[in-house]
Amino acid sequence: MTFEERYAAIQSRDGRFDGQFVTAVRSTGIYCRPSCPARTPKPANVTFYPTSAAAHEAGYRACKRCLPEAAPGSPEWDIRGDLAARAMRLIADGVIEREGVPGLARRLGYSPRHLTRILTAQLGAGPLALSRAQRAHTARMLLVGTAMSASDIAFASGFASVRQFNDTIREVFGLTPLELRARRGGAGSPAGVIDLALPVREPFDAAGLFAWMSARALPSVESASETSFARTVRLASGPGRFEVTTDPGGAVRLRATVTALSDLAALVARVRRIFDLDADPLAIDAALSRHPELAPRVRRIPGIRVPGAADPHEMLIRAMVGQQISVAAARTALSALADALGEEVPGPEGMTRLFPTMAAIAEHGAEVLRGPRARIRAIVGAAEALAEGRLTLTIADDGVQQRRALLALPGVGPWTADYVRMRVLGDPDVFLPTDVAVRAGATALGIGPAHLEGWAGTVAPWRSYLSAHLWRAAPPRPTRTPASRPARRRATPAITTPSAPVRSAPAEEIPA
């Protein structure tokens, strides 16, 4: 965006741009979100920064009126696949707190000095400053949204000491932690449970996400309904659990328990990815609505989201198990895998297991999985490659390199590699032209399947959201009852050899 475009956004107090840049005002020394209700400053006094960390580094503090740290995250880190975007995903996931800048640089394949130089040039701040801004954001969220003690919040936010926490809050917000906490309304959550409101850009199709997750929820690992989704997760310090709901006003709420408070920030970042909370629905809907075939659908379902992945490794296994079978069949197979190999954890009835580790699937998956032997070998082989580190799969992978690595695995084709990229990286521009449900949905909307892939190219860079609409538009498959099945004919068994190849279906089923 040009200076003039950004200035027009703050003049109109356009909330669509909250989280995408901040406005620093030289005459006051503060920075604001674009929708700040304060009087618009003169252009000569304005500097725009891509991140709040850049504004901090330039000597500005956050506005007490609009609290820019409370804005949803930028959708840019999903739209962009460059080094800066990949680094921002890992910083939000708490990598610097756990591994330091050298660990972040090692994951991205660069030296710490080169990484710092690139981030400073593109985002206005180095990795330490970006991580500090992330800690300040988490601390503000917990101070305002929970009844946790200030010392607990300090360590949950990733600060090394209470003194560092106090100093940062004063410097960033111009308020002490207690003064910032005074803005909190309502009662606190029960002991041991964190209850937070998560910022989200409206409109937000929560019902669609809950329906998607309910159809795929694995008993004992996940619990879902029309209005909520909950599951167990494996975090750095141990198992955790979360539940996401929406209140009558449409606000998204997170209730979570963690083994160590230091895991909380990473869990919040993970939940935001799972529910695609940082998407820009107005921009997406506007682009899709330009097509007459999609406009009525977008009006009916505004703010559609593409569900993310709770864990990259788990997502690959779920995608491979779900290839060319129905959602119900995939759920049955994955539930059996979780029941047999998932680690038991204490918790409420219905969520007492973690999804199996890759080591467990590599060692015992062949004993549990059912189906063609070639497919079982492929799933177990992928788990083994992940467990041994021969294959890496993270939220910060380069999309092209990730796809190439996945396609090199036996049993992984373009559909699986692209579906994993869509769900793990949050790539907004993935299309699955061979997907059965995508093609059925396109036909239902009057989009000819012969030209589907070329037509989808006109929707770039939002083809993942096109896929989500087509999945929703696909008519339900008729349920086959015993009476409707054709009678089997007796036949002489065919003679087969163990080495005979098994032909697979040409297209994929609805994704698991």
Protein backbone atom coordinates (compact mmCIF):
# COMPACT_ATOMS: atom_id res chain seq x y z
CA MET A 1 0.00 0.00 0.00
CA THR A 2 1.12 3.54 -0.70
CA PHE A 3 1.25 6.28 1.94
CA GLU A 4 -1.88 7.82 0.45
CA GLU A 5 -3.79 4.53 0.63
CA ARG A 6 -2.83 3.99 4.26
CA TYR A 7 -3.70 7.57 5.13
CA ALA A 8 -7.11 7.16 3.50
CA ALA A 9 -7.64 4.05 5.64
CA ILE A 10 -6.95 5.91 8.89
CA GLN A 11 -9.09 8.86 7.78
CA SER A 12 -12.04 6.50 7.35
CA ARG A 13 -11.08 4.56 10.52
CA ASP A 14 -11.26 1.38 8.45
CA GLY A 15 -11.12 -1.61 10.81
CA ARG A 16 -10.20 -3.95 7.95
CA PHE A 17 -6.61 -2.76 8.25
CA ASP A 18 -6.25 -3.29 12.01
CA GLY A 19 -3.24 -5.53 12.56
CA GLN A 20 -1.89 -4.94 9.07
CA PHE A 21 0.05 -1.77 9.92
CA VAL A 22 0.26 0.82 12.68
CA THR A 23 0.20 4.61 12.54
CA ALA A 24 2.90 6.44 14.52
CA VAL A 25 2.33 10.12 15.30
CA ARG A 26 5.48 12.19 15.82
CA SER A 27 3.72 15.02 17.65
CA THR A 28 2.39 12.71 20.39
CA GLY A 29 4.94 9.88 20.42
CA ILE A 30 2.26 7.19 20.22
CA TYR A 31 1.17 4.66 17.62
CA CYS A 32 -2.39 3.53 16.88
CA ARG A 33 -4.33 0.97 14.93
CA PRO A 34 -5.91 2.28 11.69
CA SER A 35 -9.40 2.36 13.21
CA CYS A 36 -8.42 4.46 16.24
CA PRO A 37 -11.30 6.86 17.04
CA ALA A 38 -8.93 9.72 17.91
CA ARG A 39 -8.66 12.73 15.60
CA THR A 40 -6.75 11.93 12.43
CA PRO A 41 -3.25 13.43 12.62
CA LYS A 42 -1.80 15.63 9.89
CA PRO A 43 0.02 13.71 7.14
CA ALA A 44 3.27 15.51 7.97
CA ASN A 45 3.20 14.00 11.48
CA VAL A 46 2.48 10.42 10.40
CA THR A 47 4.80 7.48 9.85
CA PHE A 48 3.43 4.05 9.01
CA TYR A 49 5.13 0.91 10.31
CA PRO A 50 4.45 -2.69 9.26
CA THR A 51 4.61 -3.98 12.85
CA SER A 52 4.19 -2.66 16.36
CA ALA A 53 7.75 -3.84 17.06
CA ALA A 54 9.04 -1.39 14.48
CA ALA A 55 7.13 1.42 16.19
CA HIS A 56 8.57 0.35 19.57
CA GLU A 57 12.08 0.42 18.13
CA ALA A 58 11.47 3.92 16.78
CA GLY A 59 10.57 5.12 20.29
CA TYR A 60 6.74 5.16 20.16
CA ARG A 61 4.36 3.70 22.73
CA ALA A 62 0.96 2.10 22.19
CA CYS A 63 -2.19 4.24 22.23
CA LYS A 64 -4.14 3.79 25.48
CA ARG A 65 -7.40 4.45 23.68
CA CYS A 66 -7.35 1.96 20.79
CA LEU A 67 -4.79 -0.55 22.20
CA PRO A 68 -3.29 -1.62 18.86
CA GLU A 69 -1.86 -4.76 20.50
CA ALA A 70 -5.45 -6.03 20.81
CA ALA A 71 -5.97 -6.09 17.04
CA PRO A 72 -6.13 -9.41 15.17
CA GLY A 73 -2.87 -10.59 13.66
CA SER A 74 -1.87 -9.63 10.14
CA PRO A 75 -3.12 -11.87 7.30
CA GLU A 76 0.09 -10.96 5.50
CA TRP A 77 2.05 -13.77 7.17
CA ASP A 78 -0.15 -16.34 5.40
CA ILE A 79 -0.40 -14.49 2.07
CA ARG A 80 3.36 -14.06 1.95
CA GLY A 81 5.61 -17.11 1.82
CA ASP A 82 8.93 -15.29 2.10
CA LEU A 83 11.49 -15.47 4.90
CA ALA A 84 9.93 -12.63 6.92
CA ALA A 85 6.49 -14.26 6.91
CA ARG A 86 7.90 -17.66 7.87
CA ALA A 87 9.87 -16.06 10.70
CA MET A 88 6.78 -14.27 12.01
CA ARG A 89 4.86 -17.56 12.23
CA LEU A 90 7.65 -19.10 14.30
CA ILE A 91 8.00 -16.03 16.52
CA ALA A 92 4.27 -16.17 17.28
CA ASP A 93 4.73 -19.87 18.09
CA GLY A 94 7.29 -18.97 20.79
CA VAL A 95 10.42 -20.33 19.11
CA ILE A 96 12.65 -17.49 20.31
CA GLU A 97 11.55 -18.01 23.92
CA ARG A 98 12.39 -21.72 23.64
CA GLU A 99 15.41 -21.72 21.32
CA GLY A 100 16.63 -18.13 21.04
CA VAL A 101 17.49 -16.28 17.84
CA PRO A 102 20.04 -18.97 16.83
CA GLY A 103 17.27 -21.58 17.02
CA LEU A 104 14.95 -19.43 14.90
CA ALA A 105 17.69 -18.86 12.32
CA ARG A 106 18.58 -22.55 12.24
CA ARG A 107 14.97 -23.53 11.55
CA LEU A 108 14.86 -21.07 8.64
CA GLY A 109 18.24 -22.06 7.23
CA TYR A 110 20.01 -18.71 7.69
CA SER A 111 22.63 -17.26 10.01
CA PRO A 112 21.35 -15.13 12.92
CA ARG A 113 23.07 -12.06 11.48
CA HIS A 114 21.55 -12.46 8.03
CA LEU A 115 18.09 -13.15 9.50
CA THR A 116 18.30 -10.02 11.66
CA ARG A 117 19.36 -7.95 8.66
CA ILE A 118 16.43 -9.18 6.51
CA LEU A 119 13.79 -8.73 9.22
CA THR A 120 15.04 -5.26 10.10
CA ALA A 121 14.97 -4.22 6.45
CA GLN A 122 11.49 -5.61 5.77
CA LEU A 123 9.68 -5.24 9.10
CA GLY A 124 11.54 -2.43 10.80
CA ALA A 125 12.71 -4.58 13.72
CA GLY A 126 14.95 -7.57 14.37
CA PRO A 127 13.87 -10.92 15.79
CA LEU A 128 14.41 -9.96 19.43
CA ALA A 129 12.29 -6.82 19.07
CA LEU A 130 9.57 -8.76 17.22
CA SER A 131 9.55 -11.39 19.96
CA ARG A 132 9.39 -8.67 22.62
CA ALA A 133 6.35 -7.15 20.92
CA GLN A 134 4.75 -10.61 20.82
CA ARG A 135 5.35 -11.01 24.57
CA ALA A 136 3.82 -7.60 25.23
CA HIS A 137 0.76 -8.55 23.16
CA THR A 138 0.32 -11.80 25.12
CA ALA A 139 0.77 -10.02 28.44
CA ARG A 140 -1.83 -7.38 27.59
CA MET A 141 -4.28 -10.08 26.53
CA LEU A 142 -3.83 -11.96 29.82
CA LEU A 143 -3.90 -8.86 32.01
CA VAL A 144 -7.14 -7.65 30.46
CA GLY A 145 -8.76 -11.01 29.89
CA THR A 146 -7.93 -13.18 32.90
CA ALA A 147 -7.62 -13.10 36.67
CA MET A 148 -4.12 -14.64 36.62
CA SER A 149 -1.58 -13.09 38.95
CA ALA A 150 0.88 -10.63 37.42
CA SER A 151 3.81 -12.94 38.14
CA ASP A 152 2.08 -15.85 36.41
CA ILE A 153 1.31 -13.62 33.43
CA ALA A 154 4.94 -12.54 33.24
CA PHE A 155 6.18 -16.10 32.76
CA ALA A 156 3.20 -17.19 30.65
CA SER A 157 4.05 -14.35 28.25
CA GLY A 158 7.65 -15.51 27.92
CA PHE A 159 9.40 -12.88 30.06
CA ALA A 160 12.52 -14.00 31.90
CA SER A 161 11.63 -12.07 35.06
CA VAL A 162 8.85 -10.04 36.66
CA ARG A 163 11.06 -6.95 36.50
CA GLN A 164 11.51 -7.35 32.74
CA PHE A 165 7.75 -7.81 32.42
CA ASN A 166 6.99 -4.63 34.41
CA ASP A 167 9.52 -2.55 32.48
CA THR A 168 8.23 -3.72 29.09
CA ILE A 169 4.58 -3.08 29.92
CA ARG A 170 5.39 0.46 31.09
CA GLU A 171 7.51 1.16 28.02
CA VAL A 172 5.08 -0.26 25.44
CA PHE A 173 1.75 0.87 26.90
CA GLY A 174 2.68 3.80 29.12
CA LEU A 175 0.83 2.02 31.95
CA THR A 176 1.83 -0.25 34.80
CA PRO A 177 0.52 -3.82 34.70
CA LEU A 178 -2.01 -2.97 37.44
CA GLU A 179 -3.23 0.09 35.52
CA LEU A 180 -3.62 -2.00 32.39
CA ARG A 181 -5.42 -4.68 34.39
CA ALA A 182 -7.93 -2.10 35.64
CA ARG A 183 -9.45 -2.23 32.16
CA ARG A 184 -10.51 -5.84 32.73
CA GLY A 185 -14.23 -6.46 33.04
CA GLY A 186 -16.14 -9.45 34.31
CA ALA A 187 -15.21 -12.26 36.65
CA GLY A 188 -12.11 -14.39 36.38
CA SER A 189 -12.05 -17.98 35.19
CA PRO A 190 -11.82 -21.02 37.51
CA ALA A 191 -8.45 -21.88 39.00
CA GLY A 192 -6.17 -23.60 36.48
CA VAL A 193 -8.32 -22.58 33.49
CA ILE A 194 -7.46 -19.68 31.18
CA ASP A 195 -10.49 -18.01 29.63
CA LEU A 196 -9.77 -15.46 26.89
CA ALA A 197 -11.54 -13.52 24.16
CA LEU A 198 -9.66 -13.87 20.87
CA PRO A 199 -9.71 -10.93 18.42
CA VAL A 200 -11.16 -11.84 15.03
CA ARG A 201 -12.08 -9.92 11.89
CA GLU A 202 -15.78 -10.03 11.10
CA PRO A 203 -17.65 -11.61 9.47
CA PHE A 204 -16.63 -14.99 10.86
CA ASP A 205 -18.29 -18.21 9.75
CA ALA A 206 -17.96 -20.01 13.09
CA ALA A 207 -20.86 -22.36 12.32
CA GLY A 208 -19.13 -23.63 9.20
CA LEU A 209 -15.89 -24.34 11.05
CA PHE A 210 -17.66 -26.12 13.91
CA ALA A 211 -19.60 -28.25 11.40
CA TRP A 212 -16.39 -29.18 9.56
CA MET A 213 -14.65 -30.16 12.79
CA SER A 214 -17.66 -32.01 14.18
CA ALA A 215 -17.75 -34.29 11.12
CA ARG A 216 -14.05 -35.15 11.58
CA ALA A 217 -13.63 -35.14 15.38
CA LEU A 218 -11.86 -38.20 16.78
CA PRO A 219 -13.47 -39.50 19.98
CA SER A 220 -11.13 -39.32 23.01
CA VAL A 221 -8.92 -36.74 21.22
CA GLU A 222 -11.50 -34.17 20.11
CA SER A 223 -15.01 -33.12 21.04
CA ALA A 224 -17.18 -31.01 18.75
CA SER A 225 -20.71 -29.71 18.45
CA GLU A 226 -22.58 -27.12 16.41
CA THR A 227 -21.29 -24.39 18.74
CA SER A 228 -17.90 -25.57 20.05
CA PHE A 229 -14.72 -27.48 19.38
CA ALA A 230 -12.30 -28.90 21.94
CA ARG A 231 -9.27 -31.15 21.80
CA THR A 232 -6.09 -32.28 23.47
CA VAL A 233 -2.75 -31.03 22.13
CA ARG A 234 0.89 -31.85 22.69
CA LEU A 235 2.86 -28.74 23.74
CA ALA A 236 6.52 -28.11 24.57
CA SER A 237 6.12 -28.70 28.31
CA GLY A 238 3.46 -31.40 28.18
CA PRO A 239 -0.14 -32.01 27.21
CA GLY A 240 -2.70 -29.21 27.00
CA ARG A 241 -6.38 -28.90 26.28
CA PHE A 242 -8.52 -26.16 24.78
CA GLU A 243 -12.11 -25.39 23.89
CA VAL A 244 -13.26 -22.70 21.45
CA THR A 245 -16.81 -21.33 21.51
CA THR A 246 -18.60 -18.21 20.37
CA ASP A 247 -20.74 -16.16 22.74
CA PRO A 248 -24.15 -14.67 21.81
CA GLY A 249 -22.43 -11.50 20.62
CA GLY A 250 -20.25 -13.44 18.19
CA ALA A 251 -17.00 -13.07 20.17
CA VAL A 252 -14.62 -16.03 19.97
CA ARG A 253 -13.68 -17.41 23.37
CA LEU A 254 -10.86 -19.76 24.30
CA ARG A 255 -10.77 -21.85 27.48
CA ALA A 256 -7.48 -23.65 27.95
CA THR A 257 -5.44 -25.65 30.43
CA VAL A 258 -1.71 -26.15 29.98
CA THR A 259 1.01 -28.09 31.78
CA ALA A 260 3.20 -24.98 32.05
CA LEU A 261 2.16 -21.36 31.63
CA SER A 262 5.08 -20.84 29.26
CA ASP A 263 3.11 -22.90 26.69
CA LEU A 264 0.11 -20.57 26.69
CA ALA A 265 1.28 -18.09 24.05
CA ALA A 266 2.13 -20.93 21.65
CA LEU A 267 -1.28 -22.51 22.26
CA VAL A 268 -3.09 -19.23 21.51
CA ALA A 269 -1.10 -18.87 18.27
CA ARG A 270 -1.99 -22.46 17.34
CA VAL A 271 -5.70 -21.90 17.98
CA ARG A 272 -5.63 -18.76 15.85
CA ARG A 273 -4.18 -20.82 12.98
CA ILE A 274 -6.70 -23.66 13.44
CA PHE A 275 -9.62 -21.22 13.22
CA ASP A 276 -7.98 -18.95 10.60
CA LEU A 277 -8.68 -15.94 12.82
CA ASP A 278 -6.17 -13.66 11.10
CA ALA A 279 -7.79 -13.89 7.66
CA ASP A 280 -9.13 -10.76 5.97
CA PRO A 281 -12.74 -11.85 5.20
CA LEU A 282 -13.84 -8.59 3.60
CA ALA A 283 -11.03 -8.70 1.05
CA ILE A 284 -11.63 -12.41 0.38
CA ASP A 285 -15.40 -12.04 0.03
CA ALA A 286 -15.04 -8.99 -2.20
CA ALA A 287 -12.71 -10.87 -4.55
CA LEU A 288 -14.89 -13.99 -4.72
CA SER A 289 -18.08 -11.96 -5.18
CA ARG A 290 -16.80 -10.56 -8.46
CA HIS A 291 -17.69 -13.90 -10.03
CA PRO A 292 -21.42 -14.35 -10.71
CA GLU A 293 -21.19 -18.07 -9.96
CA LEU A 294 -19.92 -17.36 -6.42
CA ALA A 295 -21.65 -14.11 -5.46
CA PRO A 296 -24.89 -15.70 -4.11
CA ARG A 297 -22.86 -18.24 -2.15
CA VAL A 298 -20.66 -15.55 -0.58
CA ARG A 299 -23.73 -13.54 0.42
CA ARG A 300 -25.17 -16.62 2.08
CA ILE A 301 -21.91 -17.58 3.85
CA PRO A 302 -19.87 -14.43 4.53
CA GLY A 303 -16.53 -14.76 6.26
CA ILE A 304 -15.82 -18.39 5.34
CA ARG A 305 -12.60 -19.75 6.82
CA VAL A 306 -10.15 -22.51 5.89
CA PRO A 307 -9.42 -24.69 8.95
CA GLY A 308 -5.78 -24.99 9.93
CA ALA A 309 -3.89 -27.86 11.53
CA ALA A 310 -3.41 -28.59 15.22
CA ASP A 311 -0.10 -30.28 14.43
CA PRO A 312 1.74 -30.52 11.07
CA HIS A 313 2.77 -34.16 11.54
CA GLU A 314 -0.72 -35.20 12.55
CA MET A 315 -2.13 -33.38 9.53
CA LEU A 316 -0.01 -35.41 7.12
CA ILE A 317 -1.15 -38.70 8.66
CA ARG A 318 -4.80 -37.61 8.62
CA ALA A 319 -4.52 -36.56 4.98
CA MET A 320 -2.88 -39.85 3.95
CA VAL A 321 -5.43 -41.95 5.83
CA GLY A 322 -8.26 -39.92 4.28
CA GLN A 323 -7.11 -40.34 0.68
CA GLN A 324 -9.81 -41.76 -1.60
CA ILE A 325 -12.19 -42.73 1.21
CA SER A 326 -15.15 -40.97 2.79
CA VAL A 327 -14.95 -38.68 5.81
CA ALA A 328 -16.75 -41.29 7.93
CA ALA A 329 -14.36 -44.06 6.90
CA ALA A 330 -11.33 -41.86 7.58
CA ARG A 331 -12.71 -40.92 10.98
CA THR A 332 -13.19 -44.60 11.86
CA ALA A 333 -9.62 -45.47 10.84
CA LEU A 334 -8.09 -42.50 12.65
CA SER A 335 -10.15 -43.16 15.78
CA ALA A 336 -8.87 -46.72 15.89
CA LEU A 337 -5.31 -45.41 15.49
CA ALA A 338 -5.77 -42.90 18.33
CA ASP A 339 -7.42 -45.43 20.65
CA ALA A 340 -4.66 -48.00 20.10
CA LEU A 341 -1.58 -45.79 20.05
CA GLY A 342 -2.53 -42.43 21.60
CA GLU A 343 -1.06 -41.50 24.96
CA GLU A 344 -3.60 -41.36 27.79
CA VAL A 345 -3.88 -38.04 29.63
CA PRO A 346 -6.10 -37.06 32.56
CA GLY A 347 -9.03 -34.91 31.62
CA PRO A 348 -12.77 -34.64 31.24
CA GLU A 349 -14.71 -37.52 29.80
CA GLY A 350 -14.45 -37.56 26.02
CA MET A 351 -10.94 -36.07 25.77
CA THR A 352 -8.49 -38.44 27.42
CA ARG A 353 -5.93 -39.11 24.69
CA LEU A 354 -3.36 -37.31 22.59
CA PHE A 355 -3.05 -38.09 18.89
CA PRO A 356 -0.31 -40.74 18.52
CA THR A 357 3.29 -39.67 18.09
CA MET A 358 5.01 -40.38 14.80
CA ALA A 359 7.30 -42.84 16.61
CA ALA A 360 4.30 -44.83 17.84
CA ILE A 361 2.73 -44.94 14.37
CA ALA A 362 6.05 -45.94 12.81
CA GLU A 363 6.46 -48.80 15.28
CA HIS A 364 2.90 -50.11 15.61
CA GLY A 365 0.82 -48.45 12.88
CA ALA A 366 0.92 -51.51 10.64
CA GLU A 367 -0.76 -53.52 13.42
CA VAL A 368 -3.69 -51.09 13.68
CA LEU A 369 -4.30 -49.67 10.20
CA ARG A 370 -6.52 -51.56 7.77
CA GLY A 371 -6.70 -51.39 4.00
CA PRO A 372 -4.35 -51.94 1.05
CA ARG A 373 -0.90 -52.95 2.19
CA ALA A 374 0.75 -50.37 -0.05
CA ARG A 375 -1.19 -47.57 1.63
CA ILE A 376 -0.35 -48.84 5.12
CA ARG A 377 3.34 -49.02 4.19
CA ALA A 378 3.16 -45.45 2.87
CA ILE A 379 1.55 -44.09 6.07
CA VAL A 380 3.96 -45.94 8.34
CA GLY A 381 6.89 -44.85 6.16
CA ALA A 382 5.86 -41.19 6.37
CA ALA A 383 5.55 -41.44 10.16
CA GLU A 384 8.98 -43.05 10.33
CA ALA A 385 10.53 -40.30 8.19
CA LEU A 386 9.03 -37.63 10.47
CA ALA A 387 10.06 -39.44 13.66
CA GLU A 388 13.65 -39.87 12.48
CA GLY A 389 13.94 -36.30 11.18
CA ARG A 390 14.48 -37.36 7.56
CA LEU A 391 11.38 -35.31 6.71
CA THR A 392 10.63 -31.94 8.31
CA LEU A 393 7.14 -30.50 8.28
CA THR A 394 6.51 -27.20 10.08
CA ILE A 395 4.33 -24.11 9.92
CA ALA A 396 7.31 -22.13 8.60
CA ASP A 397 8.32 -24.30 5.66
CA ASP A 398 8.84 -22.81 2.23
CA GLY A 399 5.71 -23.90 0.35
CA VAL A 400 7.51 -25.05 -2.81
CA GLN A 401 10.13 -27.01 -0.88
CA GLN A 402 7.50 -28.58 1.39
CA ARG A 403 5.47 -29.75 -1.59
CA ARG A 404 8.56 -31.21 -3.26
CA ALA A 405 9.53 -33.10 -0.09
CA LEU A 406 6.03 -34.52 0.35
CA LEU A 407 5.75 -35.63 -3.28
CA ALA A 408 8.99 -37.58 -2.83
CA LEU A 409 7.23 -39.82 -0.27
CA PRO A 410 5.69 -43.08 -1.52
CA GLY A 411 1.91 -42.83 -1.49
CA VAL A 412 1.76 -39.02 -1.54
CA GLY A 413 0.38 -37.38 -4.66
CA PRO A 414 -0.39 -33.78 -5.63
CA TRP A 415 -3.75 -33.74 -3.80
CA THR A 416 -2.22 -34.79 -0.49
CA ALA A 417 0.79 -32.45 -0.77
CA ASP A 418 -1.39 -29.47 -1.66
CA TYR A 419 -4.01 -30.24 0.98
CA VAL A 420 -1.30 -30.41 3.66
CA ARG A 421 0.14 -27.11 2.40
CA MET A 422 -3.29 -25.51 2.64
CA ARG A 423 -3.89 -26.70 6.19
CA VAL A 424 -0.37 -26.52 7.70
CA LEU A 425 0.97 -23.32 6.14
CA GLY A 426 -2.38 -21.55 5.92
CA ASP A 427 -1.61 -20.87 2.25
CA PRO A 428 -4.64 -18.93 0.94
CA ASP A 429 -4.06 -19.84 -2.71
CA VAL A 430 -4.24 -23.64 -2.95
CA PHE A 431 -6.69 -25.35 -5.29
CA LEU A 432 -7.47 -29.08 -5.47
CA PRO A 433 -8.79 -29.72 -8.98
CA THR A 434 -9.08 -33.52 -8.57
CA ASP A 435 -10.97 -33.37 -5.28
CA VAL A 436 -14.34 -35.12 -5.64
CA ALA A 437 -16.17 -32.66 -3.38
CA VAL A 438 -14.58 -29.62 -5.06
CA ARG A 439 -15.73 -30.87 -8.46
CA ALA A 440 -19.21 -31.71 -7.16
CA GLY A 441 -19.52 -28.28 -5.58
CA ALA A 442 -18.37 -26.59 -8.78
CA THR A 443 -20.99 -28.49 -10.77
CA ALA A 444 -23.66 -27.48 -8.25
CA LEU A 445 -22.72 -23.82 -8.76
CA GLY A 446 -22.74 -24.08 -12.54
CA ILE A 447 -18.96 -24.09 -13.03
CA GLY A 448 -18.06 -26.59 -15.73
CA PRO A 449 -15.59 -29.24 -14.52
CA ALA A 450 -13.79 -29.30 -17.88
CA HIS A 451 -12.50 -25.76 -17.33
CA LEU A 452 -12.50 -25.75 -13.52
CA GLU A 453 -8.77 -25.42 -12.92
CA GLY A 454 -8.36 -22.58 -15.40
CA TRP A 455 -11.42 -20.79 -14.06
CA ALA A 456 -10.12 -21.12 -10.49
CA GLY A 457 -6.97 -19.26 -11.54
CA THR A 458 -9.05 -16.10 -11.89
CA VAL A 459 -9.76 -16.21 -8.14
CA ALA A 460 -6.07 -16.08 -7.12
CA PRO A 461 -4.75 -15.44 -4.52
CA TRP A 462 -7.81 -16.78 -2.67
CA ARG A 463 -8.22 -20.25 -4.18
CA SER A 464 -8.14 -21.98 -0.77
CA TYR A 465 -11.30 -20.04 0.14
CA LEU A 466 -12.82 -20.95 -3.21
CA SER A 467 -12.17 -24.59 -2.29
CA ALA A 468 -13.90 -24.06 1.06
CA HIS A 469 -16.99 -22.67 -0.70
CA LEU A 470 -17.04 -25.54 -3.18
CA TRP A 471 -16.75 -28.10 -0.37
CA ARG A 472 -19.76 -26.51 1.29
CA ALA A 473 -21.70 -26.40 -1.99
CA ALA A 474 -21.19 -30.10 -2.75
CA PRO A 475 -24.51 -31.96 -2.44
CA PRO A 476 -24.53 -34.67 0.25
CA ARG A 477 -23.72 -38.11 -1.02
CA PRO A 478 -26.68 -40.50 -0.89
CA THR A 479 -26.50 -43.02 1.92
CA ARG A 480 -26.49 -46.55 0.60
CA THR A 481 -28.80 -48.89 2.48
CA PRO A 482 -28.75 -52.68 2.27
CA ALA A 483 -31.93 -52.60 0.18
CA SER A 484 -30.35 -50.22 -2.35
CA ARG A 485 -27.19 -52.23 -2.85
CA PRO A 486 -27.17 -54.48 -5.91
CA ALA A 487 -27.21 -58.20 -5.20
CA ARG A 488 -23.81 -59.81 -5.39
CA ARG A 489 -23.28 -62.35 -8.10
CA ARG A 490 -21.44 -65.52 -7.34
CA ALA A 491 -18.28 -65.73 -9.35
CA THR A 492 -15.23 -67.90 -9.57
CA PRO A 493 -12.48 -66.24 -7.53
CA ALA A 494 -9.87 -64.57 -9.68
CA ILE A 495 -6.31 -65.80 -9.41
CA THR A 496 -4.04 -62.98 -8.29
CA THR A 497 -0.37 -62.70 -7.52
CA PRO A 498 1.09 -60.78 -4.57
CA SER A 499 3.02 -58.51 -6.91
CA ALA A 500 0.02 -57.46 -8.97
CA PRO A 501 -0.39 -53.65 -8.84
CA VAL A 502 -3.49 -52.20 -7.28
CA ARG A 503 -5.12 -49.44 -9.30
CA SER A 504 -6.36 -46.54 -7.20
CA ALA A 505 -9.22 -44.20 -7.91
CA PRO A 506 -8.33 -41.20 -10.10
CA ALA A 507 -9.65 -38.55 -7.71
CA GLU A 508 -9.73 -37.90 -4.00
CA GLU A 509 -12.62 -38.00 -1.58
CA ILE A 510 -13.68 -35.23 0.75
CA PRO A 511 -10.61 -34.43 2.87
CA ALA A 512 -10.29 -35.83 6.39
